[in-house]
Amino acid sequence: MLTQTTSRVLEPSDLDAALAVLDREPVANAFVASRVQVAGLDPWRLGGEMWGWYEDGMLTSMCYAGANLVPICATPRAVRAFADRARRAGRRCSSIVGPAEPTTQLWRLLEPHWGPAREVRARQPLMVTDRMPDDVAPDPYVRRIRKDEVDTIMPACVAMFTEEVGVSPMAGDGGLLYQARVAELVGSGRSFARLDDRGRVAFKAEIGAATSQACQIQGVWVAPEYRGQGLAVPGMAAVLRYALADVAPVVSLYVNDFNTAARRTYRRVGFQEVGAFTSVLF
């Protein structure tokens, strides 16, 4: 019997209820929703546990606890319950990421036990669009990366990740998990790039999380020698065109608030800020 309020680890039989919670905020929840739709709630397939918070017998909030700790539609009382469970389990994640308010609250409760973080990015604007810009022509040279071009795109992916996160994705396990993720995106047709005349990546981006309702562009990167040459705006327009035509009717991304150049690029392509994420990096 469920008490009036309680939390527990969700089981595969809770899938429909979990999807209903995720559907309440399809853009903000795209990352977790995409995983759940493919893997269900089995921890081995999902890559982590899904914690649920119940009020009056109804599942109202969740928290994904895997490589990332991600609060989902989390109320203040749910956040406190999730923080208590995370504190007892000990830190197993490399980051806490999600909508700014519950993520900030979650970190405030965990910091005395898990801190200090390597970096806290308190406000990362969440940006959304559902249409192509009228005044930007997509770069005709941006295309899908083929399966036989994984070795071509990989150095650019590593450079982007290292520049963005501050550590190399090749550390720890030698990059096996990261290389598998890049290969997965290439294999699913969601990795895009413009190659220069020497076959090197000049611009790249991926469509990461994807559901039938929304998808998320990630890993946007311009090679240092090509920065300031106007590749980002038409490149983003090209990736946006693929996303809207082939993946989902709404396209989102989130960006560091201090990255004014990137925010300007995304606004130029038609993205509008609709909220904010917070990321705590360990």
Foldseek 3Di string as FASTA:
>chain_A
DDDQKDKDWDDLVCQVLVLVLCVVPVQQSLQQNLLCVVQPQDCVSSQFIKMFMDHRRHTQWIWTQHLETETGNADLVNLVVVLVVDLVVDDDHQKYKGFQPSSVSNCVSCCVRHDDFPDKQRWWFKWKDQDWDPPAAADPQKAQDALVCLVQCVVLLQVLCCVVQVDGCCPDVNNPVVSVQSSVQSVVRFKIAHADPVSHGQWIWGFHRADQAETEIDSTDGPPVCPPVPNLQSNVSNSVVCCCVPTYSMYMYIGRPVPVVVVVSVVVRPIDGDGTMMMGGD
